[in-house]
Amino acid sequence: MADLPETELDLLSAAREGSQEAGRRLMAAHGPSMVRTARNVLGRYGGNEADDVVQEAFIAALTTAALPTGDQGAWLRAITVRKALDSIRLARRRGEQPLPESDGAVAELERQGSASLPLDVLAVREGLRLVSPMDRAVLTLVDLEGRSMAETAAALGITNVAVRLRAVRARRKLAGVLRRRLPQDAAALDARGGTP
């Protein structure tokens, strides 16, 4: 291990040249955030589909001639978003339907009268499943990843105006789901302008 890369770009270059250690370090540094991004875009939180998407994203990152110009983690997550959207499109072409997630955890939390925070997370996940895959991708990049509208537009290959419209529409739909699911928080949602 005498020749450990010093920067993330060096690490990416070393992984592209076949260094297994560099590949492991890249995966350790960026894999968890890529999996979260894939799950958010896919709208499904179980199974191995997100892991498959992340694997495809890493393969794409290691085989493309393009290099990140800014934050390497953001670049890898943008690739992950595109691969997740590709996975959704492929599943639709095949006519595949995901297995429904168990609502047992939701019922158990409600029965126990648990704190609202875990239930809020479950409600947001449920709401995200109800918006289109592209809208989920926009919300993931803009609201969860903190990317700008311009960065999101570039990552998804759409215009800034389209990103803004999709974000507004998806936030409204998500806020409506949360209002129905969590009536006690409706006033808080209204105070924030309808955004969760």
Protein backbone atom coordinates (compact mmCIF):
# COMPACT_ATOMS: atom_id res chain seq x y z
CA MET A 1 0.00 0.00 0.00
CA ALA A 2 2.80 2.37 -0.74
CA ASP A 3 1.00 4.16 -3.55
CA LEU A 4 -2.25 5.27 -1.93
CA PRO A 5 -3.97 8.02 -3.95
CA GLU A 6 -4.10 11.41 -2.25
CA THR A 7 -7.23 12.99 -3.74
CA GLU A 8 -10.63 11.58 -4.63
CA LEU A 9 -9.86 12.10 -8.30
CA ASP A 10 -6.64 10.13 -7.86
CA LEU A 11 -8.65 7.42 -6.11
CA LEU A 12 -11.12 7.28 -9.02
CA SER A 13 -8.26 7.11 -11.53
CA ALA A 14 -6.58 4.31 -9.57
CA ALA A 15 -9.86 2.36 -9.43
CA ARG A 16 -10.26 2.80 -13.19
CA GLU A 17 -6.76 1.36 -13.64
CA GLY A 18 -7.75 -1.75 -11.69
CA SER A 19 -6.75 -1.01 -8.09
CA GLN A 20 -9.06 -3.09 -5.92
CA GLU A 21 -8.07 -1.12 -2.83
CA ALA A 22 -9.02 2.16 -4.52
CA GLY A 23 -12.33 0.62 -5.58
CA ARG A 24 -13.04 -0.52 -2.01
CA ARG A 25 -12.21 2.94 -0.68
CA LEU A 26 -14.51 4.59 -3.23
CA MET A 27 -17.30 2.19 -2.33
CA ALA A 28 -16.80 2.76 1.40
CA ALA A 29 -16.77 6.53 1.01
CA HIS A 30 -19.72 6.92 -1.38
CA GLY A 31 -21.68 3.65 -1.40
CA PRO A 32 -24.04 4.38 1.51
CA SER A 33 -25.15 7.76 0.13
CA MET A 34 -25.59 6.22 -3.32
CA VAL A 35 -27.80 3.46 -1.88
CA ARG A 36 -29.96 6.06 -0.07
CA THR A 37 -30.27 8.04 -3.31
CA ALA A 38 -31.23 4.92 -5.28
CA ARG A 39 -33.85 3.93 -2.71
CA ASN A 40 -35.35 7.42 -2.72
CA VAL A 41 -35.60 7.51 -6.51
CA LEU A 42 -36.87 3.94 -6.81
CA GLY A 43 -39.48 4.58 -4.13
CA ARG A 44 -38.82 1.13 -2.71
CA TYR A 45 -36.85 0.59 0.45
CA GLY A 46 -36.46 -3.16 0.62
CA GLY A 47 -34.81 -5.76 -1.52
CA ASN A 48 -31.62 -5.57 -3.48
CA GLU A 49 -32.77 -3.35 -6.33
CA ALA A 50 -31.02 -0.28 -4.91
CA ASP A 51 -27.81 -2.27 -4.51
CA ASP A 52 -28.03 -3.36 -8.15
CA VAL A 53 -28.53 0.25 -9.24
CA VAL A 54 -25.49 1.36 -7.21
CA GLN A 55 -23.39 -1.41 -8.72
CA GLU A 56 -24.39 -0.26 -12.22
CA ALA A 57 -23.59 3.33 -11.26
CA PHE A 58 -20.11 2.37 -10.04
CA ILE A 59 -19.48 0.40 -13.24
CA ALA A 60 -20.55 3.42 -15.29
CA ALA A 61 -18.32 5.72 -13.23
CA LEU A 62 -15.33 3.43 -13.71
CA THR A 63 -15.84 2.88 -17.42
CA THR A 64 -16.73 6.35 -18.66
CA ALA A 65 -14.09 8.76 -19.89
CA ALA A 66 -15.85 11.63 -18.10
CA LEU A 67 -14.41 12.96 -14.87
CA PRO A 68 -16.24 14.83 -12.13
CA THR A 69 -15.70 18.58 -12.28
CA GLY A 70 -16.82 19.28 -8.72
CA ASP A 71 -17.90 17.15 -5.79
CA GLN A 72 -17.20 13.52 -6.67
CA GLY A 73 -19.93 12.26 -4.32
CA ALA A 74 -22.53 14.43 -6.03
CA TRP A 75 -21.29 13.20 -9.41
CA LEU A 76 -21.64 9.56 -8.32
CA ARG A 77 -25.14 10.22 -6.90
CA ALA A 78 -26.19 11.87 -10.19
CA ILE A 79 -25.09 8.72 -12.04
CA THR A 80 -27.07 6.70 -9.48
CA VAL A 81 -30.20 8.76 -10.16
CA ARG A 82 -29.90 8.12 -13.90
CA LYS A 83 -29.37 4.38 -13.37
CA ALA A 84 -32.37 4.23 -11.00
CA LEU A 85 -34.57 5.93 -13.61
CA ASP A 86 -33.27 3.46 -16.22
CA SER A 87 -34.21 0.60 -13.88
CA ILE A 88 -37.74 1.96 -13.45
CA ARG A 89 -38.16 2.36 -17.22
CA LEU A 90 -36.95 -1.19 -17.82
CA ALA A 91 -39.32 -2.60 -15.20
CA ARG A 92 -42.23 -0.74 -16.81
CA ARG A 93 -41.36 -2.07 -20.26
CA ARG A 94 -41.34 -5.58 -18.85
CA GLY A 95 -44.60 -4.98 -17.01
CA GLU A 96 -43.03 -5.74 -13.64
CA GLN A 97 -44.77 -4.62 -10.47
CA PRO A 98 -42.92 -4.35 -7.16
CA LEU A 99 -44.22 -6.41 -4.28
CA PRO A 100 -46.17 -4.25 -1.86
CA GLU A 101 -44.28 -3.28 1.25
CA SER A 102 -45.67 -4.53 4.50
CA ASP A 103 -47.78 -2.02 6.36
CA GLY A 104 -47.24 -4.02 9.54
CA ALA A 105 -44.56 -1.61 10.74
CA VAL A 106 -46.89 1.36 10.25
CA ALA A 107 -49.74 -0.37 12.08
CA GLU A 108 -47.42 -1.37 14.91
CA LEU A 109 -46.13 2.19 15.34
CA GLU A 110 -49.67 3.58 15.34
CA ARG A 111 -50.85 0.93 17.81
CA GLN A 112 -48.00 1.69 20.20
CA GLY A 113 -48.65 5.43 20.00
CA SER A 114 -45.03 6.04 19.08
CA ALA A 115 -43.46 9.46 18.64
CA SER A 116 -44.37 11.23 15.43
CA LEU A 117 -40.83 11.29 13.99
CA PRO A 118 -40.69 7.61 12.89
CA LEU A 119 -44.25 7.84 11.58
CA ASP A 120 -43.33 11.02 9.68
CA VAL A 121 -40.51 9.19 7.92
CA LEU A 122 -42.84 6.36 6.98
CA ALA A 123 -45.43 8.84 5.73
CA VAL A 124 -42.84 10.63 3.60
CA ARG A 125 -41.73 7.31 2.14
CA GLU A 126 -45.34 6.44 1.36
CA GLY A 127 -45.85 9.85 -0.24
CA LEU A 128 -42.71 9.50 -2.36
CA ARG A 129 -44.06 6.24 -3.77
CA LEU A 130 -47.09 8.15 -5.08
CA VAL A 131 -45.15 10.65 -7.21
CA SER A 132 -43.66 9.76 -10.59
CA PRO A 133 -40.10 8.40 -10.77
CA MET A 134 -38.83 11.62 -12.37
CA ASP A 135 -40.52 13.70 -9.65
CA ARG A 136 -38.92 11.46 -7.00
CA ALA A 137 -35.56 12.03 -8.70
CA VAL A 138 -36.08 15.79 -8.61
CA LEU A 139 -37.10 15.75 -4.93
CA THR A 140 -34.18 13.49 -4.08
CA LEU A 141 -31.63 15.73 -5.77
CA VAL A 142 -33.11 19.11 -4.77
CA ASP A 143 -34.63 18.52 -1.34
CA LEU A 144 -32.65 15.57 0.03
CA GLU A 145 -29.27 16.09 -1.64
CA GLY A 146 -29.44 19.91 -1.57
CA ARG A 147 -28.50 20.27 -5.24
CA SER A 148 -29.36 23.48 -7.09
CA MET A 149 -32.03 23.56 -9.78
CA ALA A 150 -29.30 23.96 -12.43
CA GLU A 151 -27.31 20.98 -11.10
CA THR A 152 -30.46 18.87 -10.98
CA ALA A 153 -31.43 19.88 -14.51
CA ALA A 154 -27.96 18.94 -15.77
CA ALA A 155 -27.99 15.60 -13.93
CA LEU A 156 -31.41 14.64 -15.29
CA GLY A 157 -31.06 16.13 -18.76
CA ILE A 158 -34.06 18.43 -18.43
CA THR A 159 -34.48 22.21 -18.29
CA ASN A 160 -34.36 24.37 -15.15
CA VAL A 161 -38.03 25.26 -15.73
CA ALA A 162 -38.96 21.58 -15.86
CA VAL A 163 -37.11 20.96 -12.58
CA ARG A 164 -38.94 23.85 -10.89
CA LEU A 165 -42.34 22.68 -12.15
CA ARG A 166 -41.72 19.08 -11.16
CA ALA A 167 -40.46 20.11 -7.72
CA VAL A 168 -43.52 22.29 -7.03
CA ARG A 169 -45.95 19.62 -8.25
CA ALA A 170 -44.25 16.80 -6.33
CA ARG A 171 -44.02 18.85 -3.11
CA ARG A 172 -47.74 19.65 -3.30
CA LYS A 173 -48.65 16.02 -3.86
CA LEU A 174 -46.38 14.90 -1.03
CA ALA A 175 -47.80 17.58 1.30
CA GLY A 176 -51.33 16.39 0.48
CA VAL A 177 -50.43 12.81 1.37
CA LEU A 178 -48.85 13.94 4.62
CA ARG A 179 -51.91 16.04 5.52
CA ARG A 180 -54.17 13.02 5.09
CA ARG A 181 -51.80 10.74 6.93
CA LEU A 182 -50.82 13.13 9.72
CA PRO A 183 -53.70 15.53 10.36
CA GLN A 184 -52.06 16.80 13.54
CA ASP A 185 -49.18 18.16 11.45
CA ALA A 186 -51.34 19.89 8.82
CA ALA A 187 -50.94 23.28 10.49
CA ALA A 188 -47.15 22.89 10.51
CA LEU A 189 -47.20 21.97 6.82
CA ASP A 190 -49.36 24.99 6.01
CA ALA A 191 -46.98 27.24 7.95
CA ARG A 192 -44.10 26.00 5.76
CA GLY A 193 -45.96 26.73 2.54
CA GLY A 194 -47.01 23.14 1.92
CA THR A 195 -43.51 21.70 1.82
CA PRO A 196 -42.66 18.85 4.16
